[in-house]
Amino acid sequence: MRLDDYIEELEPDEEAERRRLAKEKSYAITDHLEDFERRFDDAVSGDSLVGSTAPSIFVGRSNYPDIPVGVLSPVGDEDAAEEYVTDGDWYQQGYAISDVLQRRTGLLNSNKRANVDSPSIASRLTPSVHDTWEGFVGVQREVAIADRPVDLEIGLDDTPELDLDAGTDVATPRGPRANARNAELRENPYVPKPVKKTLEDDDWQAQGAMTYLYRRGFDVYDINSILSAGALGETEQRRLVPTRWSITAVDDTVGKFLRGRIRNEPSIDEVQVWANEYVGNRYWIVLAPGSWEFELVEMKAPGSIWNPDPHDDIWLASASEGYEGRSSYVEETAGAYYAARLGVLEYLESIGRQAKCLVLREVSDDYWAPVGVWQVRESVRNAFDGEYGEAEAFHEAVAEVATQLPVSHARLRRKSELAAGLQSSLAAFTGRE
């Protein structure tokens, strides 16, 4: 499809968009927390949370290396525990921002303090993390490596704090927290054979174990939890990894693996433009013939959560890499860079091609609360499910897309290395020598 026709078909139904936003901005979170408090009171027996089911874990980063480690459990909705797990199904279900916040604030984070290298901060002589299968940290690990939510009984030291933690552009929002005294399994969790293999191999570096699990069909969400619980890597190197760090580490590691898979593949032979929109974020993905290069440019509107001043200018950030990848961590675009890159690399690996890629992310003021970097990953992944627009050359594609952006083409070129640099070698993108 010609690019101008493709863009024209993307024009939204303004009336439908207004209805969607009115529903999404219902701000029902306060009522939801009050309902949670009532359900919590019903679920607590003495000082124990009876019949709890934990679908996931959380590892904090405050006061590192003595950090909070927790199990997350939906109070009063245990039968639907799998629906509270952050993964790609949320995108497929079409969750709005309010849906995500209600799922996340419905999870009680029962947590204790632990050292990243040992399960107790009381003594540095306690067994290291790789030997820990007892106590709270051991139970947390069982939850992380299990193939489904695990039934638990949790002893609490106090009632939960019902303050909402809004999360970040990487981590999802978090709901109520309570200090846990202990936790006990009420069943024997099933651990998939590939996970057992990574646990039992004492000499397997974490990066290799992660890519092994990915090749065996585990998504990055599963691998993230296992890494976070200190269950991957060489024996003496295993440690608890804060959730926010492990999300990016897994996206980066799997991305590097996929980049290696496509580095000797032929290039695509046309300029393609793909687009997607989700929870107030719009994505444009421009693929052009040539060896692998990647750049993410983010544009955050005034009044959005990351550019809150409604009278400010559009905030721009960018990061890029060439054929050999990066040698340093991305600061400006942080976890969004690795999540978007993963989605692109998965597509290219699936078609056995490589390309130069420019991803443009527009964050509008409709993005009124952060839901986590998973929405970047899933939006880019799913952008490749539909049709794409074709252009004669990369610079023409960028110029056409720029007419839909909140910044000028000239300003985009000043910020984007690919948008500026590729225009000097048009022959590489038109197939002419």
Protein backbone atom coordinates (compact mmCIF):
# COMPACT_ATOMS: atom_id res chain seq x y z
CA MET A 1 0.00 0.00 0.00
CA ARG A 2 1.26 3.47 -0.87
CA LEU A 3 2.40 5.34 2.22
CA ASP A 4 0.04 8.31 1.77
CA ASP A 5 -2.94 5.93 1.46
CA TYR A 6 -1.70 3.99 4.48
CA ILE A 7 -1.51 7.14 6.61
CA GLU A 8 -4.94 8.32 5.45
CA GLU A 9 -6.51 5.05 6.60
CA LEU A 10 -4.97 5.55 10.04
CA GLU A 11 -6.92 8.75 10.70
CA PRO A 12 -8.96 8.06 13.86
CA ASP A 13 -12.72 8.29 14.23
CA GLU A 14 -12.78 11.41 16.41
CA GLU A 15 -16.16 10.69 17.98
CA ALA A 16 -15.18 7.12 18.86
CA GLU A 17 -11.91 8.43 20.27
CA ARG A 18 -13.74 10.89 22.52
CA ARG A 19 -15.99 8.10 23.83
CA ARG A 20 -12.98 5.89 24.51
CA LEU A 21 -11.12 8.59 26.41
CA ALA A 22 -14.17 9.52 28.47
CA LYS A 23 -14.47 5.90 29.58
CA GLU A 24 -10.73 5.49 30.15
CA LYS A 25 -10.38 8.60 32.26
CA SER A 26 -12.94 7.40 34.78
CA TYR A 27 -10.38 7.68 37.62
CA ALA A 28 -12.05 4.86 39.56
CA ILE A 29 -8.83 3.90 41.34
CA THR A 30 -9.82 5.43 44.68
CA ASP A 31 -13.06 3.43 44.75
CA HIS A 32 -11.10 0.34 43.76
CA LEU A 33 -8.69 0.73 46.68
CA GLU A 34 -11.59 1.10 49.08
CA ASP A 35 -13.06 -2.12 47.69
CA PHE A 36 -9.67 -3.80 48.10
CA GLU A 37 -9.56 -2.78 51.76
CA ARG A 38 -12.94 -4.44 52.35
CA ARG A 39 -11.83 -7.62 50.57
CA PHE A 40 -8.58 -7.64 52.55
CA ASP A 41 -10.45 -7.51 55.85
CA ASP A 42 -12.53 -10.51 54.75
CA ALA A 43 -9.44 -12.50 53.66
CA VAL A 44 -7.36 -12.01 56.81
CA SER A 45 -7.65 -14.60 59.56
CA GLY A 46 -5.84 -13.35 62.66
CA ASP A 47 -2.54 -12.13 61.29
CA SER A 48 -2.45 -14.47 58.29
CA LEU A 49 -3.62 -14.05 54.73
CA VAL A 50 -5.31 -17.41 54.21
CA GLY A 51 -5.89 -18.93 50.79
CA SER A 52 -3.64 -16.50 49.01
CA THR A 53 -2.50 -17.23 45.48
CA ALA A 54 0.67 -15.56 44.19
CA PRO A 55 1.00 -15.18 40.41
CA SER A 56 4.20 -13.12 40.50
CA ILE A 57 6.93 -11.52 42.61
CA PHE A 58 8.43 -8.10 43.13
CA VAL A 59 12.00 -7.19 44.04
CA GLY A 60 12.58 -3.57 45.01
CA ARG A 61 15.74 -1.51 44.78
CA SER A 62 15.51 0.87 47.74
CA ASN A 63 18.49 0.66 50.14
CA TYR A 64 20.30 -1.68 47.77
CA PRO A 65 21.82 -4.22 48.53
CA ASP A 66 19.39 -4.71 51.45
CA ILE A 67 16.19 -4.59 49.45
CA PRO A 68 12.48 -5.39 49.81
CA VAL A 69 11.44 -8.71 48.27
CA GLY A 70 7.78 -9.59 47.95
CA VAL A 71 5.14 -11.93 46.61
CA LEU A 72 2.17 -10.37 44.86
CA SER A 73 -1.28 -11.83 45.45
CA PRO A 74 -4.77 -10.71 44.38
CA VAL A 75 -6.77 -10.50 47.59
CA GLY A 76 -10.30 -11.81 47.24
CA ASP A 77 -9.87 -12.76 43.58
CA GLU A 78 -7.59 -15.79 43.83
CA ASP A 79 -9.45 -17.79 41.17
CA ALA A 80 -8.49 -15.16 38.59
CA ALA A 81 -4.86 -14.85 39.71
CA GLU A 82 -3.46 -15.39 36.20
CA GLU A 83 -5.30 -12.29 34.99
CA TYR A 84 -3.11 -10.21 37.33
CA VAL A 85 0.16 -11.28 35.70
CA THR A 86 1.73 -8.54 33.59
CA ASP A 87 2.29 -9.95 30.10
CA GLY A 88 1.27 -9.63 26.47
CA ASP A 89 -2.25 -10.86 27.17
CA TRP A 90 -3.08 -7.45 28.59
CA TYR A 91 -2.51 -5.94 25.16
CA GLN A 92 -4.53 -8.70 23.45
CA GLN A 93 -7.38 -8.06 25.90
CA GLY A 94 -7.24 -4.36 25.03
CA TYR A 95 -6.68 -3.22 28.60
CA ALA A 96 -7.06 0.52 29.09
CA ILE A 97 -4.94 2.44 31.60
CA SER A 98 -7.68 2.11 34.23
CA ASP A 99 -7.82 -1.67 33.68
CA VAL A 100 -4.08 -1.96 34.27
CA LEU A 101 -4.19 0.17 37.40
CA GLN A 102 -7.04 -1.86 38.82
CA ARG A 103 -5.16 -5.13 38.22
CA ARG A 104 -1.95 -3.80 39.72
CA THR A 105 -3.53 -2.06 42.71
CA GLY A 106 -5.47 -5.26 43.39
CA LEU A 107 -2.21 -7.09 44.16
CA LEU A 108 -1.03 -7.08 47.75
CA ASN A 109 2.77 -6.91 47.97
CA SER A 110 3.68 -8.96 51.06
CA ASN A 111 7.36 -8.25 51.54
CA LYS A 112 10.42 -8.62 53.75
CA ARG A 113 13.91 -7.19 53.61
CA ALA A 114 16.70 -9.36 52.20
CA ASN A 115 20.25 -8.92 51.04
CA VAL A 116 20.77 -9.45 47.30
CA ASP A 117 23.42 -12.09 48.04
CA SER A 118 21.89 -13.79 51.09
CA PRO A 119 18.34 -14.28 52.37
CA SER A 120 18.91 -12.53 55.68
CA ILE A 121 20.37 -9.11 56.40
CA ALA A 122 21.04 -10.22 59.96
CA SER A 123 24.15 -12.16 59.03
CA ARG A 124 26.44 -12.10 56.03
CA LEU A 125 27.33 -15.71 56.93
CA THR A 126 23.93 -17.07 55.93
CA PRO A 127 23.69 -19.24 52.80
CA SER A 128 23.97 -17.36 49.53
CA VAL A 129 20.93 -16.91 47.31
CA HIS A 130 21.62 -19.93 45.09
CA ASP A 131 21.27 -22.25 48.12
CA THR A 132 18.11 -20.63 49.47
CA TRP A 133 14.96 -22.72 49.19
CA GLU A 134 13.63 -22.15 52.69
CA GLY A 135 12.06 -19.14 54.37
CA PHE A 136 10.44 -16.18 52.66
CA VAL A 137 13.06 -15.81 49.91
CA GLY A 138 12.79 -19.52 49.13
CA VAL A 139 9.01 -19.28 48.79
CA GLN A 140 9.40 -16.23 46.58
CA ARG A 141 11.73 -18.20 44.31
CA GLU A 142 9.22 -21.06 44.10
CA VAL A 143 6.60 -18.57 42.91
CA ALA A 144 8.99 -17.16 40.30
CA ILE A 145 9.95 -20.49 38.72
CA ALA A 146 6.49 -22.11 38.80
CA ASP A 147 4.48 -22.45 35.61
CA ARG A 148 1.29 -21.06 37.21
CA PRO A 149 0.16 -19.09 40.28
CA VAL A 150 1.08 -20.76 43.58
CA ASP A 151 -1.18 -21.21 46.63
CA LEU A 152 0.37 -19.74 49.79
CA GLU A 153 -0.35 -18.80 53.36
CA ILE A 154 1.28 -15.54 54.34
CA GLY A 155 1.86 -14.31 57.89
CA LEU A 156 1.67 -10.53 58.17
CA ASP A 157 3.22 -8.20 60.71
CA ASP A 158 0.82 -5.35 60.04
CA THR A 159 -2.11 -4.17 57.97
CA PRO A 160 -1.36 -3.03 54.42
CA GLU A 161 -0.49 0.51 53.41
CA LEU A 162 -3.04 1.44 50.77
CA ASP A 163 -0.96 4.14 49.08
CA LEU A 164 -0.73 3.71 45.31
CA ASP A 165 2.76 3.70 43.82
CA ALA A 166 2.25 5.05 40.31
CA GLY A 167 5.21 3.12 38.90
CA THR A 168 7.57 4.26 36.17
CA ASP A 169 7.92 4.07 32.43
CA VAL A 170 9.67 0.72 33.03
CA ALA A 171 7.98 -0.86 36.04
CA THR A 172 4.23 -1.29 36.41
CA PRO A 173 2.26 0.50 39.14
CA ARG A 174 2.14 -1.16 42.56
CA GLY A 175 -0.70 -1.42 45.02
CA PRO A 176 -0.90 -2.00 48.77
CA ARG A 177 2.12 -3.23 50.72
CA ALA A 178 2.36 -5.13 53.98
CA ASN A 179 5.32 -6.40 55.98
CA ALA A 180 5.39 -10.20 55.92
CA ARG A 181 6.51 -12.29 58.86
CA ASN A 182 6.68 -15.52 56.85
CA ALA A 183 5.18 -17.40 53.93
CA GLU A 184 4.45 -21.08 53.44
CA LEU A 185 3.59 -23.08 50.34
CA ARG A 186 0.22 -24.83 50.33
CA GLU A 187 1.12 -26.94 47.30
CA ASN A 188 4.12 -28.28 45.39
CA PRO A 189 4.56 -25.97 42.37
CA TYR A 190 5.31 -27.50 38.98
CA VAL A 191 8.61 -26.28 37.53
CA PRO A 192 9.07 -26.67 33.74
CA LYS A 193 12.01 -28.85 32.67
CA PRO A 194 13.95 -26.03 30.90
CA VAL A 195 13.82 -23.97 34.11
CA LYS A 196 15.06 -26.94 36.12
CA LYS A 197 17.92 -27.29 33.65
CA THR A 198 19.04 -23.68 34.15
CA LEU A 199 18.77 -24.05 37.92
CA GLU A 200 20.85 -27.21 38.04
CA ASP A 201 23.67 -25.98 35.79
CA ASP A 202 26.09 -24.24 38.13
CA ASP A 203 28.41 -23.03 35.34
CA TRP A 204 25.82 -21.46 33.02
CA GLN A 205 26.17 -17.71 32.73
CA ALA A 206 22.94 -15.76 33.15
CA GLN A 207 22.94 -14.47 29.55
CA GLY A 208 23.17 -17.97 28.12
CA ALA A 209 20.48 -19.27 30.45
CA MET A 210 18.16 -16.42 29.46
CA THR A 211 18.52 -17.04 25.74
CA TYR A 212 18.11 -20.79 26.30
CA LEU A 213 14.76 -20.20 28.01
CA TYR A 214 13.70 -17.77 25.30
CA ARG A 215 14.52 -20.33 22.59
CA ARG A 216 12.44 -22.86 24.52
CA GLY A 217 9.37 -20.67 24.24
CA PHE A 218 9.51 -18.67 27.47
CA ASP A 219 8.55 -15.05 26.97
CA VAL A 220 10.60 -12.25 28.47
CA TYR A 221 8.01 -11.81 31.22
CA ASP A 222 8.68 -15.33 32.55
CA ILE A 223 12.45 -14.96 32.26
CA ASN A 224 12.36 -11.62 34.06
CA SER A 225 10.77 -13.17 37.17
CA ILE A 226 13.24 -16.06 37.23
CA LEU A 227 16.20 -13.70 36.91
CA SER A 228 14.79 -11.36 39.53
CA ALA A 229 14.51 -14.22 42.05
CA GLY A 230 18.22 -14.98 41.72
CA ALA A 231 17.64 -18.27 39.93
CA LEU A 232 19.86 -17.74 36.85
CA GLY A 233 23.60 -17.55 36.33
CA GLU A 234 26.76 -19.16 37.62
CA THR A 235 26.38 -20.37 41.19
CA GLU A 236 28.48 -17.77 42.94
CA GLN A 237 27.12 -14.96 40.74
CA ARG A 238 23.44 -15.52 41.48
CA ARG A 239 21.74 -12.76 43.40
CA LEU A 240 18.37 -11.08 43.73
CA VAL A 241 17.82 -8.53 40.95
CA PRO A 242 15.43 -5.59 41.40
CA THR A 243 12.45 -6.01 39.09
CA ARG A 244 13.03 -2.74 37.27
CA TRP A 245 16.60 -3.77 36.43
CA SER A 246 15.74 -7.33 35.44
CA ILE A 247 13.08 -6.17 32.95
CA THR A 248 15.64 -4.17 31.02
CA ALA A 249 18.36 -6.82 31.42
CA VAL A 250 16.19 -9.50 29.83
CA ASP A 251 15.03 -7.26 26.97
CA ASP A 252 18.66 -6.32 26.30
CA THR A 253 20.01 -9.88 26.49
CA VAL A 254 17.33 -11.39 24.27
CA GLY A 255 17.69 -8.45 21.88
CA LYS A 256 21.42 -9.09 21.52
CA PHE A 257 20.72 -12.76 20.86
CA LEU A 258 18.25 -11.88 18.09
CA ARG A 259 20.62 -9.30 16.63
CA GLY A 260 23.20 -12.06 16.31
CA ARG A 261 20.64 -14.24 14.55
CA ILE A 262 19.96 -11.66 11.81
CA ARG A 263 23.44 -10.19 11.30
CA ASN A 264 24.19 -12.41 8.29
CA GLU A 265 20.68 -12.38 6.85
CA PRO A 266 19.86 -10.46 3.66
CA SER A 267 18.35 -7.01 3.92
CA ILE A 268 14.71 -6.18 3.27
CA ASP A 269 14.31 -4.75 -0.22
CA GLU A 270 11.83 -1.90 0.29
CA VAL A 271 11.12 0.94 2.68
CA GLN A 272 8.27 0.01 4.99
CA VAL A 273 6.31 2.11 7.49
CA TRP A 274 4.32 0.39 10.22
CA ALA A 275 2.13 2.08 12.82
CA ASN A 276 0.31 1.26 16.02
CA GLU A 277 -1.43 3.12 18.83
CA TYR A 278 -2.19 2.04 22.38
CA VAL A 279 -3.01 3.73 25.72
CA GLY A 280 -2.13 7.22 24.52
CA ASN A 281 1.11 6.15 22.82
CA ARG A 282 1.52 6.19 19.05
CA TYR A 283 4.32 4.35 17.29
CA TRP A 284 5.76 4.73 13.81
CA ILE A 285 8.29 2.13 12.69
CA VAL A 286 10.30 2.88 9.56
CA LEU A 287 12.31 -0.04 8.14
CA ALA A 288 14.78 0.58 5.33
CA PRO A 289 17.13 -1.66 3.32
CA GLY A 290 20.64 -1.99 4.69
CA SER A 291 22.59 -3.53 7.55
CA TRP A 292 21.16 -3.43 11.06
CA GLU A 293 20.89 -0.03 12.71
CA PHE A 294 18.34 1.06 15.26
CA GLU A 295 17.12 4.27 16.81
CA LEU A 296 14.27 5.20 19.12
CA VAL A 297 13.06 8.79 19.24
CA GLU A 298 10.50 9.68 21.92
CA MET A 299 8.25 12.73 21.78
CA LYS A 300 6.38 13.48 24.99
CA ALA A 301 3.56 15.98 24.86
CA PRO A 302 3.01 18.81 27.36
CA GLY A 303 0.57 17.60 29.97
CA SER A 304 1.61 13.95 29.70
CA ILE A 305 2.97 12.14 32.73
CA TRP A 306 6.62 12.64 31.73
CA ASN A 307 6.21 16.24 30.61
CA PRO A 308 3.61 17.53 33.08
CA ASP A 309 3.79 21.27 32.35
CA PRO A 310 0.86 21.87 29.96
CA HIS A 311 2.58 24.99 28.62
CA ASP A 312 5.95 23.36 27.92
CA ASP A 313 7.31 22.30 24.53
CA ILE A 314 7.37 18.75 23.18
CA TRP A 315 10.10 16.85 25.03
CA LEU A 316 12.42 14.83 22.78
CA ALA A 317 14.80 12.00 23.63
CA SER A 318 16.69 9.57 21.43
CA ALA A 319 19.16 6.70 21.51
CA SER A 320 20.65 4.59 18.74
CA GLU A 321 23.03 1.80 17.83
CA GLY A 322 24.87 0.58 14.77
CA TYR A 323 25.60 -2.85 13.35
CA GLU A 324 27.72 -3.90 16.35
CA GLY A 325 25.26 -2.65 18.96
CA ARG A 326 25.89 -0.37 21.93
CA SER A 327 28.71 -0.35 24.46
CA SER A 328 26.86 1.64 27.13
CA TYR A 329 23.47 1.72 28.81
CA VAL A 330 20.80 3.94 27.28
CA GLU A 331 20.04 6.85 29.60
CA GLU A 332 17.55 9.11 27.81
CA THR A 333 15.02 6.53 26.64
CA ALA A 334 15.96 3.87 29.22
CA GLY A 335 13.89 0.68 29.22
CA ALA A 336 11.67 1.80 26.34
CA TYR A 337 14.68 1.54 24.02
CA TYR A 338 15.33 -2.13 24.78
CA ALA A 339 11.64 -3.05 24.72
CA ALA A 340 11.06 -1.39 21.32
CA ARG A 341 14.27 -2.89 19.90
CA LEU A 342 13.17 -6.35 21.02
CA GLY A 343 9.86 -6.05 19.18
CA VAL A 344 11.61 -5.01 15.95
CA LEU A 345 14.26 -7.73 16.19
CA GLU A 346 11.64 -10.41 16.81
CA TYR A 347 9.90 -9.40 13.60
CA LEU A 348 13.07 -9.29 11.52
CA GLU A 349 14.23 -12.65 12.87
CA SER A 350 10.82 -14.15 12.03
CA ILE A 351 11.18 -13.13 8.35
CA GLY A 352 14.92 -13.87 8.13
CA ARG A 353 15.92 -10.32 7.20
CA GLN A 354 17.81 -7.35 8.63
CA ALA A 355 17.14 -3.64 8.20
CA LYS A 356 17.83 -0.17 9.42
CA CYS A 357 15.06 0.84 11.78
CA LEU A 358 13.75 4.12 13.15
CA VAL A 359 11.04 3.89 15.82
CA LEU A 360 9.16 7.09 16.64
CA ARG A 361 7.16 7.06 19.86
CA GLU A 362 4.67 9.85 20.49
CA VAL A 363 3.40 10.06 24.07
CA SER A 364 0.22 12.14 24.16
CA ASP A 365 -1.49 13.73 27.14
CA ASP A 366 -3.95 10.82 26.96
CA TYR A 367 -1.26 8.76 28.69
CA TRP A 368 -2.43 9.95 32.09
CA ALA A 369 -0.77 7.26 34.23
CA PRO A 370 2.25 5.04 33.59
CA VAL A 371 1.52 1.35 33.04
CA GLY A 372 5.06 0.04 32.50
CA VAL A 373 7.36 -0.69 29.62
CA TRP A 374 5.37 -3.77 28.59
CA GLN A 375 3.06 -1.50 26.60
CA VAL A 376 6.02 -0.33 24.49
CA ARG A 377 7.11 -3.91 23.88
CA GLU A 378 3.63 -5.13 22.96
CA SER A 379 2.75 -2.10 20.85
CA VAL A 380 5.86 -2.58 18.71
CA ARG A 381 5.43 -6.35 18.56
CA ASN A 382 1.84 -6.03 17.37
CA ALA A 383 2.52 -3.20 14.94
CA PHE A 384 3.76 -5.83 12.49
CA ASP A 385 0.47 -7.74 12.43
CA GLY A 386 -1.28 -5.48 9.97
CA GLU A 387 -0.46 -3.81 6.67
CA TYR A 388 2.38 -1.39 6.09
CA GLY A 389 2.93 1.63 3.92
CA GLU A 390 5.57 1.61 1.19
CA ALA A 391 7.84 4.49 0.24
CA GLU A 392 10.42 5.00 -2.50
CA ALA A 393 13.17 6.08 -0.10
CA PHE A 394 13.84 6.43 3.58
CA HIS A 395 13.91 10.24 3.59
CA GLU A 396 10.55 10.37 1.82
CA ALA A 397 9.05 8.01 4.41
CA VAL A 398 10.35 10.09 7.32
CA ALA A 399 9.14 13.33 5.73
CA GLU A 400 5.67 11.85 5.19
CA VAL A 401 5.45 10.48 8.71
CA ALA A 402 6.67 13.82 10.09
CA THR A 403 3.43 15.42 8.87
CA GLN A 404 1.67 13.31 11.52
CA LEU A 405 4.07 14.12 14.36
CA PRO A 406 3.86 16.88 16.99
CA VAL A 407 7.33 18.16 15.97
CA SER A 408 8.58 19.48 12.65
CA HIS A 409 10.61 17.41 10.21
CA ALA A 410 13.53 19.77 10.75
CA ARG A 411 13.44 19.35 14.53
CA LEU A 412 13.20 15.58 14.15
CA ARG A 413 16.27 15.57 11.93
CA ARG A 414 18.19 17.58 14.49
CA LYS A 415 17.42 14.97 17.15
CA SER A 416 17.55 11.77 15.11
CA GLU A 417 20.88 10.44 13.87
CA LEU A 418 19.19 8.08 11.43
CA ALA A 419 16.78 10.67 10.03
CA ALA A 420 19.70 13.03 9.43
CA GLY A 421 22.41 10.56 8.43
CA LEU A 422 20.54 8.28 6.08
CA GLN A 423 19.59 11.12 3.77
CA SER A 424 23.19 11.46 2.67
CA SER A 425 23.18 8.03 1.04
CA LEU A 426 19.86 7.60 -0.69
CA ALA A 427 21.24 5.02 -3.11
CA ALA A 428 21.43 2.52 -0.30
CA PHE A 429 17.68 2.75 0.14
CA THR A 430 16.54 2.89 -3.48
CA GLY A 431 18.55 -0.14 -4.60
CA ARG A 432 20.73 1.93 -6.94
CA GLU A 433 24.52 1.96 -6.83
